[in-house]
Amino acid sequence: MGRNIGLDGGEIDILALDGSVRVAVEVRAITGGGDPIDAIDHSKRRHVRRLAALVGAGRTDFVGVAFGDRAVEVHHLPG
C-alpha cells in the first residue's frame, strides 16, 4: 500500500495488507551484532502503534535487519 507514510507526528515505514488486515510495519536496521529488534525500544513501539491507529491499521509489526560481515539477518516481531 505504501512506504514512508508521513503523518502528523511521525512516519510509518511500510503500510501493507495481510489479507484484509491493514498492517503498519516499523523497520530498523543495524550493523554488527545483537538482535535488531532490540533497537526498537518500548517508547518507539508505543509511538508507532499510535501512528498505526491514525491510518486504521489492525496490526503493527516490527522488523529488524542486522547487517553482519558475511550475512544479513531479518527478525520479525508480529503485532
Protein backbone atom coordinates (compact mmCIF):
# COMPACT_ATOMS: atom_id res chain seq x y z
CA MET A 1 0.00 0.00 0.00
CA GLY A 2 2.88 2.36 0.63
CA ARG A 3 6.16 3.14 2.30
CA ASN A 4 7.48 6.07 4.29
CA ILE A 5 3.97 7.32 5.04
CA GLY A 6 4.35 10.76 6.60
CA LEU A 7 1.84 11.66 9.29
CA ASP A 8 1.48 14.49 11.71
CA GLY A 9 3.90 13.41 14.44
CA GLY A 10 5.89 10.77 12.60
CA GLU A 11 6.22 8.25 9.82
CA ILE A 12 5.18 4.67 9.15
CA ASP A 13 7.91 2.78 7.29
CA ILE A 14 5.60 0.36 5.47
CA LEU A 15 1.82 0.17 5.25
CA ALA A 16 0.76 -3.20 3.85
CA LEU A 17 -2.14 -5.60 3.60
CA ASP A 18 -2.10 -9.11 5.06
CA GLY A 19 -5.28 -10.49 3.54
CA SER A 20 -7.84 -7.89 4.55
CA VAL A 21 -5.85 -6.60 7.55
CA ARG A 22 -4.01 -3.30 7.21
CA VAL A 23 -0.55 -3.67 8.78
CA ALA A 24 1.83 -0.90 9.83
CA VAL A 25 5.46 -2.05 9.82
CA GLU A 26 8.38 -0.39 11.58
CA VAL A 27 11.76 -1.39 10.17
CA ARG A 28 15.06 -0.91 11.98
CA ALA A 29 18.46 -1.78 10.53
CA ILE A 30 21.69 -2.20 12.49
CA THR A 31 25.25 -3.19 11.70
CA GLY A 32 27.26 -5.53 13.86
CA GLY A 33 25.96 -7.97 16.43
CA GLY A 34 22.86 -8.15 18.52
CA ASP A 35 19.18 -8.58 17.87
CA PRO A 36 17.93 -5.76 15.65
CA ILE A 37 14.50 -5.91 17.30
CA ASP A 38 16.20 -4.65 20.48
CA ALA A 39 16.95 -1.43 18.56
CA ILE A 40 13.21 -0.68 18.64
CA ASP A 41 12.69 0.34 22.25
CA HIS A 42 9.39 0.35 24.15
CA SER A 43 8.83 4.07 23.59
CA LYS A 44 9.30 3.74 19.82
CA ARG A 45 6.92 0.77 19.70
CA ARG A 46 4.26 2.77 21.55
CA HIS A 47 4.76 5.73 19.17
CA VAL A 48 4.46 3.54 16.07
CA ARG A 49 1.29 1.92 17.42
CA ARG A 50 -0.25 5.37 17.90
CA LEU A 51 0.61 6.30 14.31
CA ALA A 52 -0.77 2.97 13.09
CA ALA A 53 -4.09 3.73 14.73
CA LEU A 54 -4.25 7.00 12.75
CA VAL A 55 -4.19 5.09 9.46
CA GLY A 56 -6.60 2.38 10.62
CA ALA A 57 -4.02 -0.40 10.88
CA GLY A 58 -5.37 -3.53 12.51
CA ARG A 59 -1.87 -4.75 13.36
CA THR A 60 1.58 -3.30 13.94
CA ASP A 61 4.62 -5.43 13.09
CA PHE A 62 8.28 -4.75 13.78
CA VAL A 63 11.10 -5.90 11.52
CA GLY A 64 14.77 -5.72 12.42
CA VAL A 65 17.56 -6.19 9.89
CA ALA A 66 21.12 -6.89 11.07
CA PHE A 67 23.94 -6.46 8.56
CA GLY A 68 26.96 -8.51 9.57
CA ASP A 69 30.32 -9.06 7.90
CA ARG A 70 29.10 -12.03 5.88
CA ALA A 71 25.37 -12.31 6.44
CA VAL A 72 22.12 -10.44 6.79
CA GLU A 73 19.62 -11.48 9.45
CA VAL A 74 15.98 -10.47 9.42
CA HIS A 75 13.89 -10.68 12.59
CA HIS A 76 10.12 -10.26 12.52
CA LEU A 77 8.01 -9.48 15.55
CA PRO A 78 4.35 -9.70 14.51
CA GLY A 79 1.88 -7.46 16.30
